[in-house]
C-alpha cells in the first residue's frame, strides 16, 4: 500500500488543514540534569524511567541512570557506569539508546564511540537487562559487522520473534540482529530510503547547522519505530524529509537479495526534519520536528497532526511511551552545542526531560 505525500507542519498551509490538524497539548518537565546532556529515554510498564547520557570529556557522571524520586541513580549499578577502556566489554562506554520492549526488558545500546571518536571495538554492544531482577541477562557484540566503521544509533525489539532492528547511520543501513544466535546482518545498505539527500543542510532557528569548517551536520538513517504488532518498521534519515516503512518479514528473510528487499520499501510521506520516532499501540507514528519545535504524528488514517508545539522542544531526540498515555522525550539541544556554533556554547541549561499527555484524536 502506498501512502499519498503530505507536508510537514512548516508547509501546513500548502497541505491543507485536514492534513495538519492541530492537537497541541501541554509540555511537562519531568527532570532537569544541569550540564549533563540526556540522549535516550526508556520507560517501563510500571513507569520506571531510564535516561542515557553520552560520554564526554567533561560534564559527565553516568552513562545510564534510573530516575528515582527525581534523583539519578546509576543503572544497573555503579560499576557498569565506571568508564574504563580496559573494562569496556563489561562497562558502558557511550550509551546511545535505552528501550523497553513488550515484555518489559530494558535494551541498552552502546555504540562505544565517545565524543565523535572512532569506536572502541571491545565496547560495542547491545545489553539486555531484566527489569524484574535488575540483572544483565545477555550482551550482543555485533562481531559480524565492520565494527571499526560502525555508529549504531537506535534499536527496536520483537521479543516474540527474537529479533532486534537497529539503525546504522555510518554504514547507511538497517541492522537485523537474531537474538537467539547473536548473528547480525546489514539490510538496505546504500538504499535511497536510508541515505541523506545530497546537499541537504539542516536549518534551525534561522541558522544552518554547520561546524567551524563549514561542514554541515549530517546523518543517514537515524530514528526508527516498530509498530506494536511488529509488522512494520518505520525509519528515516535526518538530512532529508521523507518517512519510509517496510514490512519486517522482508527484513527478516535472509534469502532475499538486496533488490528484493528494496522492492518492498514504501514511502509514507513528507514529514519535514525529524530525529526521534516512536509507534503507539493505536498505530500512530510520532516524529520530532526540530525546526518547528514540535512533535507530530501520522495516524493510521494517513493524517499528519501536530501533537505538541513549544519553544522548549530544542532538538527533541528520543521518545518513550509511559503508563497513563504519556510520551516522554529528551531535548538534546544538539544544534546549540559549541561544535555547531563556532565554539560558542548556546545551550539553555539545564538540560531537561519532558513528557506530554497524548491526545486521543481521530485515528
Protein backbone atom coordinates (compact mmCIF):
# COMPACT_ATOMS: atom_id res chain seq x y z
CA UNK A 1 0.00 0.00 0.00
CA UNK A 2 1.39 3.40 -0.95
CA UNK A 3 0.59 6.49 1.05
CA UNK A 4 -0.03 9.91 -0.54
CA UNK A 5 2.64 12.51 0.08
CA UNK A 6 1.93 15.06 2.79
CA UNK A 7 3.78 18.09 4.05
CA UNK A 8 5.23 18.84 7.46
CA UNK A 9 4.00 21.46 9.88
CA UNK A 10 6.15 24.08 8.23
CA UNK A 11 4.21 23.57 5.00
CA UNK A 12 0.81 23.07 6.58
CA UNK A 13 -0.77 25.84 4.57
CA UNK A 14 0.12 24.07 1.36
CA UNK A 15 -1.04 20.71 2.64
CA UNK A 16 -4.40 21.97 3.85
CA UNK A 17 -5.91 21.92 7.34
CA UNK A 18 -7.22 18.37 7.09
CA UNK A 19 -3.67 17.05 6.80
CA UNK A 20 -2.12 19.13 9.57
CA UNK A 21 -4.72 19.12 12.30
CA UNK A 22 -3.59 20.85 15.47
CA UNK A 23 -3.92 18.80 18.67
CA UNK A 24 -1.50 20.74 20.90
CA UNK A 25 -1.09 19.52 24.47
CA UNK A 26 0.97 20.97 27.33
CA UNK A 27 4.63 20.07 27.77
CA UNK A 28 5.51 18.93 31.30
CA UNK A 29 9.01 18.93 32.76
CA UNK A 30 9.93 15.56 34.31
CA UNK A 31 13.53 16.19 35.38
CA UNK A 32 16.49 18.50 34.83
CA UNK A 33 20.12 17.43 34.53
CA UNK A 34 22.30 20.51 34.86
CA UNK A 35 25.06 20.34 32.24
CA UNK A 36 24.64 16.59 31.64
CA UNK A 37 23.08 16.10 28.20
CA UNK A 38 20.34 13.46 28.04
CA UNK A 39 20.04 11.42 24.83
CA UNK A 40 17.91 8.30 25.18
CA UNK A 41 14.92 7.63 27.39
CA UNK A 42 13.10 4.40 28.20
CA UNK A 43 10.05 3.89 30.41
CA UNK A 44 8.98 0.54 31.83
CA UNK A 45 5.43 -0.77 32.01
CA UNK A 46 5.44 0.17 35.71
CA UNK A 47 6.61 3.72 35.00
CA UNK A 48 10.31 3.39 35.84
CA UNK A 49 12.23 6.00 33.85
CA UNK A 50 15.73 5.39 32.42
CA UNK A 51 17.88 8.04 30.73
CA UNK A 52 21.16 7.78 28.84
CA UNK A 53 23.99 10.31 28.65
CA UNK A 54 26.90 10.47 26.18
CA UNK A 55 30.48 10.05 27.30
CA UNK A 56 32.14 13.48 27.24
CA UNK A 57 35.48 14.83 28.36
CA UNK A 58 33.64 17.00 30.89
CA UNK A 59 30.14 17.31 32.35
CA UNK A 60 29.75 13.54 32.65
CA UNK A 61 28.53 11.50 35.60
CA UNK A 62 26.86 8.30 34.39
CA UNK A 63 26.03 6.60 31.09
CA UNK A 64 22.68 5.14 32.18
CA UNK A 65 20.54 6.18 35.12
CA UNK A 66 17.18 5.38 36.63
CA UNK A 67 15.26 8.38 37.94
CA UNK A 68 14.15 7.65 41.49
CA UNK A 69 12.28 10.41 43.30
CA UNK A 70 13.78 12.87 40.85
CA UNK A 71 17.34 11.71 41.56
CA UNK A 72 19.72 9.98 39.15
CA UNK A 73 20.92 6.54 40.20
CA UNK A 74 23.48 4.68 38.06
CA UNK A 75 21.85 1.65 36.49
CA UNK A 76 22.07 -1.31 36.75
CA UNK A 77 24.85 -0.37 39.20
CA UNK A 78 27.78 1.99 39.65
CA UNK A 79 30.31 -0.47 38.26
CA UNK A 80 28.66 -0.59 34.83
CA UNK A 81 28.86 3.22 34.76
CA UNK A 82 32.52 3.47 35.83
CA UNK A 83 34.01 4.12 32.42
CA UNK A 84 37.30 2.30 31.89
CA UNK A 85 38.63 1.45 28.43
CA UNK A 86 40.30 -1.69 29.76
CA UNK A 87 36.95 -2.94 31.02
CA UNK A 88 34.88 -1.75 28.04
CA UNK A 89 33.32 -5.16 27.28
CA UNK A 90 31.55 -5.14 30.63
CA UNK A 91 31.08 -1.43 31.24
CA UNK A 92 29.24 1.29 29.42
CA UNK A 93 31.37 3.49 27.17
CA UNK A 94 28.98 5.80 25.30
CA UNK A 95 25.36 4.73 25.67
CA UNK A 96 23.00 5.90 22.92
CA UNK A 97 19.61 4.28 23.50
CA UNK A 98 17.63 2.61 26.29
CA UNK A 99 14.48 0.90 25.02
CA UNK A 100 11.89 -1.12 26.95
CA UNK A 101 10.36 -3.98 24.97
CA UNK A 102 6.87 -5.52 25.07
CA UNK A 103 7.93 -7.98 27.80
CA UNK A 104 9.34 -5.17 30.00
CA UNK A 105 13.01 -5.87 29.45
CA UNK A 106 15.44 -2.97 29.02
CA UNK A 107 17.74 -2.95 25.99
CA UNK A 108 20.76 -0.64 26.21
CA UNK A 109 22.67 0.21 23.04
CA UNK A 110 26.31 1.23 23.49
CA UNK A 111 27.99 2.14 20.16
CA UNK A 112 31.16 2.83 22.17
CA UNK A 113 32.20 5.98 20.27
CA UNK A 114 32.66 8.80 22.82
CA UNK A 115 32.82 12.43 21.69
CA UNK A 116 32.81 11.64 17.96
CA UNK A 117 35.88 9.43 18.30
CA UNK A 118 36.42 6.18 16.45
CA UNK A 119 34.54 3.36 18.18
CA UNK A 120 36.27 1.39 20.90
CA UNK A 121 35.71 -2.01 19.30
CA UNK A 122 35.62 -4.05 22.50
CA UNK A 123 32.92 -1.81 23.92
CA UNK A 124 30.33 -2.03 21.11
CA UNK A 125 27.33 -3.89 22.50
CA UNK A 126 23.60 -4.27 22.99
CA UNK A 127 22.80 -5.18 26.59
CA UNK A 128 19.61 -6.90 27.73
CA UNK A 129 18.66 -6.13 31.34
CA UNK A 130 15.89 -7.92 33.20
CA UNK A 131 13.95 -5.18 34.99
CA UNK A 132 12.46 -7.67 37.46
CA UNK A 133 15.92 -8.63 38.76
CA UNK A 134 17.94 -5.58 37.59
CA UNK A 135 20.50 -8.03 36.21
CA UNK A 136 22.23 -8.14 32.83
CA UNK A 137 20.98 -11.25 31.02
CA UNK A 138 22.87 -11.12 27.73
CA UNK A 139 25.30 -8.97 25.75
CA UNK A 140 25.41 -8.86 21.94
CA UNK A 141 28.72 -7.79 20.35
CA UNK A 142 27.97 -7.40 16.59
CA UNK A 143 31.17 -9.22 15.71
CA UNK A 144 29.93 -9.91 12.18
CA UNK A 145 29.74 -6.17 11.35
CA UNK A 146 32.72 -3.98 10.33
CA UNK A 147 32.82 -2.58 13.86
CA UNK A 148 35.70 -0.19 13.25
CA UNK A 149 33.38 1.79 10.97
CA UNK A 150 30.10 1.44 12.83
CA UNK A 151 27.95 4.00 14.63
CA UNK A 152 24.85 2.17 15.82
CA UNK A 153 22.13 4.65 16.75
CA UNK A 154 18.73 3.20 17.72
CA UNK A 155 17.12 -0.17 18.43
CA UNK A 156 13.67 -1.78 18.49
CA UNK A 157 12.96 -5.33 19.67
CA UNK A 158 10.44 -8.01 18.69
CA UNK A 159 10.69 -10.42 21.66
CA UNK A 160 8.26 -12.94 20.16
CA UNK A 161 10.31 -13.50 17.01
CA UNK A 162 13.55 -12.90 18.92
CA UNK A 163 14.85 -10.24 16.57
CA UNK A 164 16.10 -6.68 17.01
CA UNK A 165 16.21 -3.94 14.38
CA UNK A 166 18.81 -1.19 14.57
CA UNK A 167 19.66 1.94 12.63
CA UNK A 168 23.26 2.29 11.44
CA UNK A 169 23.84 5.80 10.03
CA UNK A 170 27.59 5.47 9.49
CA UNK A 171 27.18 2.37 7.33
CA UNK A 172 23.93 3.77 5.84
CA UNK A 173 21.92 0.66 6.59
CA UNK A 174 19.49 -1.08 8.88
CA UNK A 175 20.77 -3.95 11.01
CA UNK A 176 18.82 -7.12 11.76
CA UNK A 177 20.01 -8.96 14.86
CA UNK A 178 18.97 -12.56 15.59
CA UNK A 179 18.61 -12.58 19.38
CA UNK A 180 18.88 -16.36 19.56
CA UNK A 181 22.12 -16.79 17.64
CA UNK A 182 23.61 -13.33 18.11
CA UNK A 183 24.20 -13.05 14.37
CA UNK A 184 23.60 -9.69 12.71
CA UNK A 185 23.48 -8.52 9.11
CA UNK A 186 23.09 -5.29 7.17
CA UNK A 187 19.98 -4.66 5.06
CA UNK A 188 19.04 -1.86 2.66
CA UNK A 189 22.62 -0.61 2.78
CA UNK A 190 23.00 2.39 0.49
CA UNK A 191 19.33 2.43 -0.49
CA UNK A 192 17.89 5.91 -1.02
CA UNK A 193 15.49 5.45 1.91
CA UNK A 194 18.36 5.25 4.41
CA UNK A 195 20.55 7.94 2.82
CA UNK A 196 20.83 11.67 3.29
CA UNK A 197 19.59 13.87 0.48
CA UNK A 198 22.64 15.34 -1.33
CA UNK A 199 23.17 18.95 -0.37
CA UNK A 200 20.50 18.92 2.35
CA UNK A 201 21.57 21.21 5.22
CA UNK A 202 19.62 21.44 8.46
CA UNK A 203 18.38 24.92 9.27
CA UNK A 204 17.06 25.53 12.78
CA UNK A 205 16.15 28.89 14.32
CA UNK A 206 17.27 30.66 11.17
CA UNK A 207 20.77 29.17 11.22
CA UNK A 208 22.37 26.37 9.24
CA UNK A 209 23.76 23.62 11.47
CA UNK A 210 27.45 23.60 10.43
CA UNK A 211 30.75 23.30 12.26
CA UNK A 212 33.53 25.90 12.17
CA UNK A 213 34.94 24.45 8.96
CA UNK A 214 31.57 24.83 7.23
CA UNK A 215 30.85 21.11 7.30
CA UNK A 216 27.10 20.58 7.91
CA UNK A 217 25.61 18.20 10.42
CA UNK A 218 24.70 15.03 8.56
CA UNK A 219 23.13 11.71 9.44
CA UNK A 220 21.85 8.84 7.36
CA UNK A 221 19.12 6.57 8.77
CA UNK A 222 18.63 7.57 12.39
CA UNK A 223 15.20 7.30 14.02
CA UNK A 224 13.24 4.05 13.78
CA UNK A 225 9.82 2.90 15.02
CA UNK A 226 8.39 -0.60 15.24
CA UNK A 227 4.60 -0.97 15.23
CA UNK A 228 3.12 -2.81 18.21
CA UNK A 229 2.02 -5.71 16.01
CA UNK A 230 5.67 -5.88 14.84
CA UNK A 231 4.53 -5.81 11.22
CA UNK A 232 6.17 -2.57 10.08
CA UNK A 233 9.43 -0.80 10.76
CA UNK A 234 9.33 2.95 10.08
CA UNK A 235 12.62 4.78 9.54
CA UNK A 236 14.28 7.82 8.00
CA UNK A 237 17.49 9.81 7.75
CA UNK A 238 17.81 13.21 9.44
CA UNK A 239 19.14 15.04 6.39
CA UNK A 240 16.08 14.57 4.20
CA UNK A 241 12.34 14.98 4.65
CA UNK A 242 10.70 11.65 3.79
CA UNK A 243 9.41 8.97 6.11
CA UNK A 244 9.66 5.34 4.97
CA UNK A 245 8.48 1.97 6.16
CA UNK A 246 8.90 -1.70 5.29
CA UNK A 247 7.19 -4.89 6.41
CA UNK A 248 9.54 -6.61 8.81
CA UNK A 249 9.06 -10.01 7.18
CA UNK A 250 11.23 -8.81 4.32
CA UNK A 251 13.95 -7.60 6.67
CA UNK A 252 14.00 -10.94 8.48
CA UNK A 253 14.28 -13.08 5.35
CA UNK A 254 18.00 -13.64 4.66
CA UNK A 255 17.19 -15.42 1.40
CA UNK A 256 16.08 -12.19 -0.27
CA UNK A 257 18.53 -10.27 -2.41
CA UNK A 258 19.14 -6.55 -1.68
CA UNK A 259 16.98 -5.67 -4.68
CA UNK A 260 14.15 -7.90 -3.48
CA UNK A 261 14.20 -6.30 -0.04
CA UNK A 262 14.32 -2.80 -1.54
CA UNK A 263 11.29 -3.56 -3.69
CA UNK A 264 9.16 -3.62 -0.54
CA UNK A 265 10.16 -0.19 0.78
CA UNK A 266 7.16 2.15 1.00
CA UNK A 267 7.24 5.95 1.06
CA UNK A 268 4.90 7.13 3.81
CA UNK A 269 5.19 10.83 3.01
CA UNK A 270 6.90 14.13 3.71
CA UNK A 271 7.26 14.90 7.40
CA UNK A 272 9.98 17.57 7.49
CA UNK A 273 13.13 17.28 9.61
CA UNK A 274 12.92 14.62 12.31
CA UNK A 275 15.24 12.83 14.72
CA UNK A 276 13.21 10.76 17.19
CA UNK A 277 10.42 8.36 16.26
CA UNK A 278 8.02 6.02 18.03
CA UNK A 279 4.86 3.97 17.42
CA UNK A 280 1.99 3.66 19.89
CA UNK A 281 -0.45 0.79 20.33
CA UNK A 282 -3.10 2.58 18.24
CA UNK A 283 -0.83 2.64 15.19
CA UNK A 284 0.19 6.30 15.35
CA UNK A 285 3.78 7.12 14.44
CA UNK A 286 5.26 10.03 16.39
CA UNK A 287 8.11 12.08 14.94
CA UNK A 288 10.01 15.06 16.24
CA UNK A 289 10.12 18.34 14.31
CA UNK A 290 13.14 20.41 15.34
CA UNK A 291 12.75 23.42 13.00
CA UNK A 292 9.21 23.99 14.28
CA UNK A 293 9.87 22.98 17.92
CA UNK A 294 7.10 20.43 17.65
CA UNK A 295 6.03 16.81 17.90
CA UNK A 296 4.00 15.35 15.05
CA UNK A 297 2.25 12.08 14.40
CA UNK A 298 0.87 10.33 11.36
CA UNK A 299 -2.27 8.37 12.14
CA UNK A 300 -3.45 5.08 10.65
CA UNK A 301 -5.90 7.20 8.64
CA UNK A 302 -2.90 8.87 6.96
CA UNK A 303 -3.36 12.23 8.70
CA UNK A 304 -0.47 14.38 9.92
CA UNK A 305 -1.21 16.03 13.25
CA UNK A 306 0.76 18.38 15.47
CA UNK A 307 0.69 16.92 18.97
CA UNK A 308 2.79 19.50 20.81
CA UNK A 309 4.39 22.81 19.97
CA UNK A 310 6.66 24.52 22.47
CA UNK A 311 9.86 26.64 22.22
CA UNK A 312 11.45 24.32 24.79
CA UNK A 313 11.42 21.50 22.22
CA UNK A 314 15.05 22.09 21.27
CA UNK A 315 16.13 19.14 19.11
CA UNK A 316 13.63 16.64 20.61
CA UNK A 317 15.54 13.44 20.06
CA UNK A 318 14.23 10.27 21.70
CA UNK A 319 10.69 9.17 22.60
CA UNK A 320 9.32 6.61 25.05
CA UNK A 321 5.77 5.66 25.99
CA UNK A 322 4.84 5.52 29.65
CA UNK A 323 1.80 4.47 31.68
CA UNK A 324 -1.20 6.77 31.59
CA UNK A 325 -0.77 7.71 27.94
CA UNK A 326 2.34 9.85 28.38
CA UNK A 327 5.02 10.37 25.76
CA UNK A 328 8.45 11.05 27.29
CA UNK A 329 11.16 12.82 25.32
CA UNK A 330 14.63 14.29 25.67
CA UNK A 331 15.56 17.77 24.43
CA UNK A 332 19.20 17.35 23.44
CA UNK A 333 19.88 20.85 22.04
CA UNK A 334 22.49 19.36 19.70
CA UNK A 335 22.31 22.36 17.36
CA UNK A 336 23.24 24.64 20.27
CA UNK A 337 26.44 22.82 21.22
CA UNK A 338 29.77 24.66 20.69
CA UNK A 339 30.66 22.36 17.79
CA UNK A 340 27.87 23.85 15.68
CA UNK A 341 28.30 27.47 16.82
CA UNK A 342 31.94 28.33 16.14
CA UNK A 343 32.94 27.18 19.61
CA UNK A 344 30.26 29.18 21.44
CA UNK A 345 28.05 27.28 23.86
CA UNK A 346 24.44 28.32 23.20
CA UNK A 347 22.78 25.58 25.22
CA UNK A 348 19.94 26.71 27.52
CA UNK A 349 20.87 24.98 30.77
CA UNK A 350 19.78 22.89 32.49
CA UNK A 351 19.12 20.07 30.08
CA UNK A 352 15.65 18.63 30.64
CA UNK A 353 13.43 15.61 30.17
CA UNK A 354 9.79 16.29 29.25
CA UNK A 355 6.56 14.44 28.75
CA UNK A 356 3.19 15.14 27.11
CA UNK A 357 -0.18 13.54 27.68
CA UNK A 358 -1.08 12.11 24.31
CA UNK A 359 -4.40 13.20 22.80
CA UNK A 360 -6.76 10.58 21.51
CA UNK A 361 -7.95 12.49 18.48
CA UNK A 362 -9.18 10.89 15.25
CA UNK A 363 -7.49 7.70 14.13
